[in-house]
Amino acid sequence: MDDILFEGIEGDLGLPAKAWASALLEFGTSNVPALSVAIHLRESGQITREGILPLVEESTSRKVTDLIQWMVSEAKSQGFIPADNSEVEDAVEAIMIEKADFISERGMSAVGPLMGLVMQKLGGSADGKIVSQVLREKISSISEN
């Protein structure tokens, strides 16, 4: 497994070590070429985390260059494309309106519980770091006023 790990990190796709190691542990090594492409696309913001397993399972023995095009196409048709920032902001604003009393009571400590609600509203298509950042900015701006 060490060889597979280093091949992904040092190979053509230059996968981030932590993401690649986590993927190997979570998804296994049965289809390394497809998994490496899926992780590359996830890390570059082209597919969601939820799309990794279905796309890897559906891929066949294609060349890596063919896999990239195929996965991007399939991700679009199956709805595994990450939400853009405006969709995240819209979802955050909608949840903040629904939970205004909760936010006024808890302030910045409301971020954690609201994260789950926003992610659920977006169907898992958003990057958690972006959701957290938008929530923190918006709650902070309310607190300052």
Protein backbone atom coordinates (compact mmCIF):
# COMPACT_ATOMS: atom_id res chain seq x y z
CA MET A 1 0.00 0.00 0.00
CA ASP A 2 2.97 2.33 0.57
CA ASP A 3 3.83 2.16 -3.12
CA ILE A 4 0.26 3.12 -4.07
CA LEU A 5 0.32 5.98 -1.59
CA PHE A 6 3.57 7.43 -2.92
CA GLU A 7 2.59 6.85 -6.54
CA GLY A 8 -0.54 8.97 -6.03
CA ILE A 9 1.34 11.73 -4.24
CA GLU A 10 4.33 11.85 -6.60
CA GLY A 11 2.50 10.83 -9.80
CA ASP A 12 1.04 12.90 -12.61
CA LEU A 13 -2.02 13.96 -10.60
CA GLY A 14 0.06 15.08 -7.59
CA LEU A 15 -2.59 14.13 -5.05
CA PRO A 16 -2.50 15.78 -1.61
CA ALA A 17 -1.02 13.27 0.83
CA LYS A 18 -3.75 13.53 3.48
CA ALA A 19 -6.64 13.28 1.02
CA TRP A 20 -5.05 10.38 -0.87
CA ALA A 21 -4.19 8.44 2.29
CA SER A 22 -7.71 8.94 3.66
CA ALA A 23 -9.24 7.80 0.38
CA LEU A 24 -7.13 4.66 0.26
CA LEU A 25 -8.15 3.78 3.81
CA GLU A 26 -11.83 4.54 3.23
CA PHE A 27 -12.37 3.17 -0.30
CA GLY A 28 -9.62 0.56 -0.62
CA THR A 29 -7.31 -0.27 -3.48
CA SER A 30 -9.55 -2.26 -5.80
CA ASN A 31 -9.66 0.48 -8.47
CA VAL A 32 -6.70 2.77 -7.80
CA PRO A 33 -6.72 4.61 -11.17
CA ALA A 34 -10.38 5.59 -10.84
CA LEU A 35 -9.98 6.48 -7.17
CA SER A 36 -6.96 8.66 -7.89
CA VAL A 37 -8.90 10.54 -10.58
CA ALA A 38 -11.90 10.96 -8.27
CA ILE A 39 -9.70 12.36 -5.49
CA HIS A 40 -7.98 14.69 -7.97
CA LEU A 41 -11.38 15.97 -9.15
CA ARG A 42 -12.66 16.33 -5.58
CA GLU A 43 -9.59 18.25 -4.48
CA SER A 44 -9.87 20.55 -7.50
CA GLY A 45 -13.53 21.25 -6.71
CA GLN A 46 -15.01 19.47 -9.70
CA ILE A 47 -16.99 16.74 -7.92
CA THR A 48 -18.49 16.34 -4.46
CA ARG A 49 -17.28 13.93 -1.83
CA GLU A 50 -20.56 12.06 -2.23
CA GLY A 51 -19.70 11.44 -5.89
CA ILE A 52 -16.44 9.60 -5.24
CA LEU A 53 -17.76 6.13 -4.48
CA PRO A 54 -20.51 5.96 -7.12
CA LEU A 55 -18.21 7.24 -9.85
CA VAL A 56 -15.37 4.90 -8.89
CA GLU A 57 -17.76 1.95 -8.79
CA GLU A 58 -19.22 2.83 -12.21
CA SER A 59 -15.88 3.36 -13.90
CA THR A 60 -14.42 0.61 -15.97
CA SER A 61 -10.85 -0.06 -16.95
CA ARG A 62 -10.34 3.25 -18.74
CA LYS A 63 -7.12 5.18 -19.13
CA VAL A 64 -6.61 7.95 -16.58
CA THR A 65 -7.08 10.67 -19.21
CA ASP A 66 -10.36 9.06 -20.30
CA LEU A 67 -11.41 8.67 -16.66
CA ILE A 68 -11.09 12.40 -16.01
CA GLN A 69 -13.40 13.32 -18.88
CA TRP A 70 -15.82 10.52 -18.08
CA MET A 71 -16.04 11.35 -14.36
CA VAL A 72 -16.59 15.07 -14.98
CA SER A 73 -19.36 14.23 -17.43
CA GLU A 74 -20.97 11.70 -15.09
CA ALA A 75 -20.64 14.04 -12.11
CA LYS A 76 -22.63 16.65 -14.01
CA SER A 77 -25.34 14.22 -15.08
CA GLN A 78 -25.65 12.65 -11.63
CA GLY A 79 -25.59 15.88 -9.63
CA PHE A 80 -22.19 15.47 -7.99
CA ILE A 81 -21.03 19.00 -8.86
CA PRO A 82 -20.17 21.19 -5.85
CA ALA A 83 -22.43 24.10 -4.99
CA ASP A 84 -20.99 27.46 -5.97
CA ASN A 85 -20.47 30.28 -3.48
CA SER A 86 -23.73 32.04 -4.34
CA GLU A 87 -25.70 28.85 -3.66
CA VAL A 88 -23.90 28.48 -0.33
CA GLU A 89 -24.64 32.09 0.61
CA ASP A 90 -28.32 31.70 -0.33
CA ALA A 91 -28.61 28.54 1.77
CA VAL A 92 -26.84 30.17 4.73
CA GLU A 93 -29.12 33.21 4.57
CA ALA A 94 -32.24 31.02 4.42
CA ILE A 95 -31.15 28.98 7.45
CA MET A 96 -30.18 32.13 9.34
CA ILE A 97 -33.64 33.58 8.78
CA GLU A 98 -35.24 30.35 10.04
CA LYS A 99 -32.95 30.21 13.08
CA ALA A 100 -32.64 33.91 13.93
CA ASP A 101 -33.65 33.37 17.58
CA PHE A 102 -31.13 30.54 17.95
CA ILE A 103 -28.37 32.73 16.51
CA SER A 104 -29.23 35.66 18.80
CA GLU A 105 -29.07 33.31 21.81
CA ARG A 106 -25.88 31.47 20.89
CA GLY A 107 -23.91 33.90 18.74
CA MET A 108 -20.81 32.34 17.17
CA SER A 109 -21.45 29.03 18.97
CA ALA A 110 -24.43 28.57 16.62
CA VAL A 111 -22.03 27.85 13.72
CA GLY A 112 -21.65 24.13 14.46
CA PRO A 113 -25.34 23.27 14.67
CA LEU A 114 -26.16 25.46 11.66
CA MET A 115 -23.45 23.78 9.55
CA GLY A 116 -25.45 20.57 9.46
CA LEU A 117 -28.63 22.37 8.46
CA VAL A 118 -26.91 24.23 5.63
CA MET A 119 -25.17 21.10 4.37
CA GLN A 120 -28.48 19.25 4.44
CA LYS A 121 -30.21 22.07 2.56
CA LEU A 122 -27.53 21.89 -0.13
CA GLY A 123 -27.80 18.11 -0.37
CA GLY A 124 -24.17 17.55 0.54
CA SER A 125 -22.93 19.43 -2.51
CA ALA A 126 -21.09 22.16 -0.64
CA ASP A 127 -17.55 22.32 0.67
CA GLY A 128 -17.78 22.36 4.46
CA LYS A 129 -14.93 24.87 4.71
CA ILE A 130 -16.81 27.34 2.54
CA VAL A 131 -20.05 26.82 4.48
CA SER A 132 -18.22 27.38 7.76
CA GLN A 133 -16.52 30.52 6.45
CA VAL A 134 -19.77 32.03 5.14
CA LEU A 135 -21.63 31.19 8.36
CA ARG A 136 -18.88 32.72 10.50
CA GLU A 137 -18.77 35.89 8.42
CA LYS A 138 -22.53 36.37 8.44
CA ILE A 139 -22.99 35.60 12.14
CA SER A 140 -20.04 37.83 12.99
CA SER A 141 -21.56 40.72 11.02
CA ILE A 142 -24.81 40.31 12.95
CA SER A 143 -22.95 40.26 16.27
CA GLU A 144 -21.09 43.47 15.42
CA ASN A 145 -24.32 45.39 14.77
